Amino acid sequence: MPRFYSDEFKRDAVAFYENSELSLAKAAADLGINRQSLHTWVKDLGTGKRSRVAVQKRQAQAISEAERIRELERELRKMTEERDILRKAVKYFAEETNW
């Protein structure tokens, strides 16, 4: 038999979900309600906070990935320069031994 929940309970459940790090299923289980009910309430009453937080996390991750790429490019340039110096040194010493 279907259970009916007050609008206040629905808003509180949505706020609980949006302000926690819990999955939809875990939040619904903690509240003692059906996952699909909570999903419907989030769609209808939600502020989209979880979506905005997810977007912000993806943006931060993209920035950190871009920083890592720049760091790797700097390291590559340094190692390429070191390799070129070593090649020149090997060539120089090889020519000196050929009298």
N, C-alpha and C. Protein backbone atom coordinates (compact mmCIF):
# COMPACT_ATOMS: atom_id res chain seq x y z
N MET A 1 0.85 -1.18 0.00
CA MET A 1 0.00 0.00 0.00
C MET A 1 0.89 1.24 0.00
N PRO A 2 0.61 2.19 -0.86
CA PRO A 2 1.45 3.38 -0.95
C PRO A 2 1.37 4.22 0.33
N ARG A 3 2.51 4.80 0.66
CA ARG A 3 2.56 5.69 1.82
C ARG A 3 2.60 7.12 1.30
N PHE A 4 1.98 8.00 2.03
CA PHE A 4 1.95 9.40 1.64
C PHE A 4 2.80 10.20 2.63
N TYR A 5 3.63 11.07 2.10
CA TYR A 5 4.54 11.86 2.92
C TYR A 5 4.16 13.33 2.79
N SER A 6 4.36 14.06 3.88
CA SER A 6 4.05 15.49 3.86
C SER A 6 5.06 16.23 2.98
N ASP A 7 4.67 17.41 2.52
CA ASP A 7 5.57 18.22 1.71
C ASP A 7 6.82 18.60 2.50
N GLU A 8 6.66 18.84 3.79
CA GLU A 8 7.81 19.19 4.63
C GLU A 8 8.80 18.04 4.70
N PHE A 9 8.28 16.82 4.85
CA PHE A 9 9.16 15.65 4.89
C PHE A 9 9.90 15.49 3.56
N LYS A 10 9.19 15.70 2.46
CA LYS A 10 9.82 15.59 1.14
C LYS A 10 10.95 16.61 0.99
N ARG A 11 10.69 17.87 1.38
CA ARG A 11 11.71 18.92 1.29
C ARG A 11 12.90 18.59 2.19
N ASP A 12 12.63 18.10 3.38
CA ASP A 12 13.71 17.73 4.30
C ASP A 12 14.53 16.57 3.75
N ALA A 13 13.86 15.61 3.14
CA ALA A 13 14.56 14.45 2.57
C ALA A 13 15.46 14.90 1.42
N VAL A 14 14.95 15.80 0.58
CA VAL A 14 15.75 16.31 -0.54
C VAL A 14 16.94 17.10 0.00
N ALA A 15 16.70 17.93 1.02
CA ALA A 15 17.79 18.71 1.61
C ALA A 15 18.84 17.78 2.21
N PHE A 16 18.40 16.73 2.89
CA PHE A 16 19.32 15.75 3.47
C PHE A 16 20.19 15.14 2.38
N TYR A 17 19.58 14.73 1.30
CA TYR A 17 20.33 14.12 0.19
C TYR A 17 21.30 15.11 -0.44
N GLU A 18 20.84 16.34 -0.71
CA GLU A 18 21.68 17.32 -1.38
C GLU A 18 22.85 17.78 -0.51
N ASN A 19 22.69 17.75 0.80
CA ASN A 19 23.74 18.22 1.70
C ASN A 19 24.65 17.11 2.19
N SER A 20 24.42 15.90 1.73
CA SER A 20 25.26 14.79 2.16
C SER A 20 26.05 14.27 0.96
N GLU A 21 27.01 13.42 1.26
CA GLU A 21 27.81 12.79 0.21
C GLU A 21 27.26 11.40 -0.12
N LEU A 22 26.13 11.07 0.45
CA LEU A 22 25.55 9.74 0.27
C LEU A 22 24.98 9.56 -1.12
N SER A 23 24.97 8.32 -1.56
CA SER A 23 24.31 8.01 -2.82
C SER A 23 22.80 8.12 -2.61
N LEU A 24 22.08 8.17 -3.70
CA LEU A 24 20.63 8.26 -3.62
C LEU A 24 20.05 7.05 -2.89
N ALA A 25 20.56 5.88 -3.21
CA ALA A 25 20.06 4.65 -2.58
C ALA A 25 20.36 4.64 -1.08
N LYS A 26 21.56 5.06 -0.70
CA LYS A 26 21.94 5.06 0.72
C LYS A 26 21.14 6.09 1.48
N ALA A 27 20.95 7.28 0.90
CA ALA A 27 20.16 8.31 1.56
C ALA A 27 18.72 7.85 1.75
N ALA A 28 18.16 7.21 0.74
CA ALA A 28 16.79 6.70 0.84
C ALA A 28 16.69 5.63 1.92
N ALA A 29 17.68 4.74 1.96
CA ALA A 29 17.68 3.69 2.99
C ALA A 29 17.78 4.30 4.38
N ASP A 30 18.62 5.31 4.55
CA ASP A 30 18.76 5.97 5.85
C ASP A 30 17.46 6.64 6.28
N LEU A 31 16.72 7.15 5.31
CA LEU A 31 15.44 7.81 5.62
C LEU A 31 14.28 6.82 5.71
N GLY A 32 14.51 5.59 5.29
CA GLY A 32 13.46 4.58 5.34
C GLY A 32 12.41 4.75 4.25
N ILE A 33 12.83 5.25 3.11
CA ILE A 33 11.89 5.45 2.00
C ILE A 33 12.43 4.75 0.76
N ASN A 34 11.57 4.66 -0.24
CA ASN A 34 11.94 4.04 -1.51
C ASN A 34 12.88 4.96 -2.28
N ARG A 35 13.88 4.36 -2.93
CA ARG A 35 14.86 5.14 -3.70
C ARG A 35 14.17 5.92 -4.81
N GLN A 36 13.22 5.32 -5.48
CA GLN A 36 12.53 5.99 -6.58
C GLN A 36 11.73 7.19 -6.08
N SER A 37 11.15 7.08 -4.90
CA SER A 37 10.42 8.22 -4.33
C SER A 37 11.37 9.39 -4.11
N LEU A 38 12.52 9.11 -3.50
CA LEU A 38 13.49 10.18 -3.26
C LEU A 38 13.97 10.76 -4.59
N HIS A 39 14.19 9.91 -5.57
CA HIS A 39 14.63 10.39 -6.88
C HIS A 39 13.60 11.35 -7.48
N THR A 40 12.34 11.00 -7.39
CA THR A 40 11.26 11.85 -7.91
C THR A 40 11.22 13.18 -7.17
N TRP A 41 11.36 13.14 -5.85
CA TRP A 41 11.35 14.36 -5.05
C TRP A 41 12.53 15.25 -5.40
N VAL A 42 13.68 14.66 -5.61
CA VAL A 42 14.87 15.45 -5.96
C VAL A 42 14.65 16.13 -7.30
N LYS A 43 14.08 15.42 -8.26
CA LYS A 43 13.79 16.02 -9.56
C LYS A 43 12.80 17.17 -9.42
N ASP A 44 11.76 16.97 -8.60
CA ASP A 44 10.70 17.97 -8.47
C ASP A 44 11.07 19.12 -7.55
N LEU A 45 11.73 18.83 -6.44
CA LEU A 45 11.96 19.83 -5.40
C LEU A 45 13.42 20.22 -5.22
N GLY A 46 14.31 19.54 -5.87
CA GLY A 46 15.73 19.77 -5.66
C GLY A 46 16.22 21.10 -6.18
N THR A 47 17.29 21.57 -5.58
CA THR A 47 17.88 22.85 -5.97
C THR A 47 18.97 22.67 -7.01
N GLY A 48 19.39 21.43 -7.24
CA GLY A 48 20.46 21.16 -8.18
C GLY A 48 21.83 21.34 -7.56
N LYS A 49 21.88 21.43 -6.23
CA LYS A 49 23.15 21.64 -5.54
C LYS A 49 24.13 20.52 -5.84
N ARG A 50 23.68 19.29 -5.81
CA ARG A 50 24.58 18.16 -6.07
C ARG A 50 25.14 18.24 -7.48
N SER A 51 24.34 18.67 -8.42
CA SER A 51 24.81 18.81 -9.81
C SER A 51 25.88 19.89 -9.90
N ARG A 52 25.65 21.01 -9.23
CA ARG A 52 26.63 22.10 -9.26
C ARG A 52 27.94 21.66 -8.61
N VAL A 53 27.83 20.94 -7.50
CA VAL A 53 29.03 20.45 -6.81
C VAL A 53 29.79 19.49 -7.70
N ALA A 54 29.07 18.62 -8.39
CA ALA A 54 29.72 17.67 -9.30
C ALA A 54 30.43 18.40 -10.43
N VAL A 55 29.81 19.43 -10.96
CA VAL A 55 30.43 20.22 -12.04
C VAL A 55 31.69 20.91 -11.52
N GLN A 56 31.60 21.46 -10.32
CA GLN A 56 32.77 22.13 -9.73
C GLN A 56 33.91 21.15 -9.51
N LYS A 57 33.59 19.94 -9.07
CA LYS A 57 34.63 18.93 -8.86
C LYS A 57 35.28 18.55 -10.18
N ARG A 58 34.46 18.39 -11.23
CA ARG A 58 35.02 18.06 -12.55
C ARG A 58 35.91 19.19 -13.05
N GLN A 59 35.50 20.45 -12.83
CA GLN A 59 36.31 21.58 -13.26
C GLN A 59 37.63 21.61 -12.50
N ALA A 60 37.58 21.38 -11.20
CA ALA A 60 38.81 21.36 -10.39
C ALA A 60 39.72 20.23 -10.85
N GLN A 61 39.14 19.10 -11.16
CA GLN A 61 39.94 17.97 -11.63
C GLN A 61 40.57 18.29 -12.98
N ALA A 62 39.81 18.96 -13.85
CA ALA A 62 40.35 19.33 -15.16
C ALA A 62 41.50 20.31 -15.01
N ILE A 63 41.38 21.24 -14.07
CA ILE A 63 42.45 22.20 -13.82
C ILE A 63 43.69 21.48 -13.30
N SER A 64 43.49 20.56 -12.36
CA SER A 64 44.65 19.84 -11.83
C SER A 64 45.28 18.96 -12.91
N GLU A 65 44.48 18.41 -13.80
CA GLU A 65 45.02 17.63 -14.91
C GLU A 65 45.82 18.53 -15.85
N ALA A 66 45.33 19.74 -16.10
CA ALA A 66 46.04 20.68 -16.96
C ALA A 66 47.37 21.07 -16.31
N GLU A 67 47.36 21.28 -15.00
CA GLU A 67 48.60 21.60 -14.29
C GLU A 67 49.58 20.44 -14.40
N ARG A 68 49.11 19.24 -14.27
CA ARG A 68 49.97 18.06 -14.36
C ARG A 68 50.56 17.93 -15.77
N ILE A 69 49.75 18.23 -16.77
CA ILE A 69 50.26 18.20 -18.16
C ILE A 69 51.36 19.23 -18.34
N ARG A 70 51.15 20.46 -17.83
CA ARG A 70 52.19 21.49 -17.93
C ARG A 70 53.46 21.06 -17.21
N GLU A 71 53.30 20.44 -16.05
CA GLU A 71 54.46 19.96 -15.29
C GLU A 71 55.21 18.89 -16.09
N LEU A 72 54.49 17.98 -16.69
CA LEU A 72 55.12 16.93 -17.49
C LEU A 72 55.82 17.51 -18.72
N GLU A 73 55.23 18.53 -19.33
CA GLU A 73 55.86 19.17 -20.48
C GLU A 73 57.16 19.86 -20.08
N ARG A 74 57.16 20.51 -18.91
CA ARG A 74 58.40 21.14 -18.42
C ARG A 74 59.47 20.08 -18.18
N GLU A 75 59.07 18.99 -17.56
CA GLU A 75 60.01 17.90 -17.29
C GLU A 75 60.56 17.31 -18.59
N LEU A 76 59.70 17.17 -19.58
CA LEU A 76 60.13 16.65 -20.88
C LEU A 76 61.16 17.59 -21.53
N ARG A 77 60.89 18.90 -21.50
CA ARG A 77 61.85 19.86 -22.06
C ARG A 77 63.19 19.77 -21.34
N LYS A 78 63.17 19.66 -20.02
CA LYS A 78 64.41 19.57 -19.25
C LYS A 78 65.18 18.30 -19.61
N MET A 79 64.49 17.18 -19.68
CA MET A 79 65.15 15.92 -19.99
C MET A 79 65.68 15.90 -21.43
N THR A 80 64.96 16.52 -22.34
CA THR A 80 65.42 16.61 -23.72
C THR A 80 66.70 17.43 -23.80
N GLU A 81 66.73 18.53 -23.05
CA GLU A 81 67.93 19.37 -23.02
C GLU A 81 69.11 18.59 -22.42
N GLU A 82 68.87 17.86 -21.33
CA GLU A 82 69.93 17.06 -20.72
C GLU A 82 70.45 15.99 -21.70
N ARG A 83 69.53 15.35 -22.40
CA ARG A 83 69.92 14.34 -23.38
C ARG A 83 70.80 14.94 -24.48
N ASP A 84 70.40 16.13 -24.97
CA ASP A 84 71.17 16.79 -26.02
C ASP A 84 72.57 17.16 -25.53
N ILE A 85 72.67 17.62 -24.29
CA ILE A 85 73.99 17.95 -23.72
C ILE A 85 74.85 16.69 -23.64
N LEU A 86 74.29 15.60 -23.18
CA LEU A 86 75.04 14.35 -23.09
C LEU A 86 75.48 13.86 -24.46
N ARG A 87 74.65 14.00 -25.47
CA ARG A 87 75.03 13.60 -26.83
C ARG A 87 76.22 14.41 -27.33
N LYS A 88 76.18 15.72 -27.06
CA LYS A 88 77.29 16.58 -27.48
C LYS A 88 78.57 16.19 -26.74
N ALA A 89 78.44 15.88 -25.46
CA ALA A 89 79.62 15.49 -24.68
C ALA A 89 80.21 14.18 -25.21
N VAL A 90 79.37 13.22 -25.52
CA VAL A 90 79.85 11.94 -26.05
C VAL A 90 80.56 12.18 -27.38
N LYS A 91 79.97 13.01 -28.22
CA LYS A 91 80.58 13.30 -29.53
C LYS A 91 81.93 14.00 -29.35
N TYR A 92 81.99 14.95 -28.43
CA TYR A 92 83.23 15.68 -28.18
C TYR A 92 84.35 14.74 -27.72
N PHE A 93 84.02 13.89 -26.71
CA PHE A 93 85.05 12.99 -26.18
C PHE A 93 85.42 11.89 -27.19
N ALA A 94 84.50 11.50 -28.02
CA ALA A 94 84.81 10.52 -29.05
C ALA A 94 85.78 11.09 -30.07
N GLU A 95 85.66 12.35 -30.41
CA GLU A 95 86.57 12.98 -31.36
C GLU A 95 87.95 13.19 -30.76
N GLU A 96 88.03 13.46 -29.46
CA GLU A 96 89.32 13.69 -28.81
C GLU A 96 90.16 12.42 -28.75
N THR A 97 89.56 11.26 -28.70
CA THR A 97 90.30 10.02 -28.60
C THR A 97 90.79 9.53 -29.96
N ASN A 98 90.34 10.13 -31.03
CA ASN A 98 90.76 9.74 -32.39
C ASN A 98 91.90 10.63 -32.88
N TRP A 99 93.15 10.39 -32.43
CA TRP A 99 94.29 11.23 -32.86
C TRP A 99 94.84 10.76 -34.14
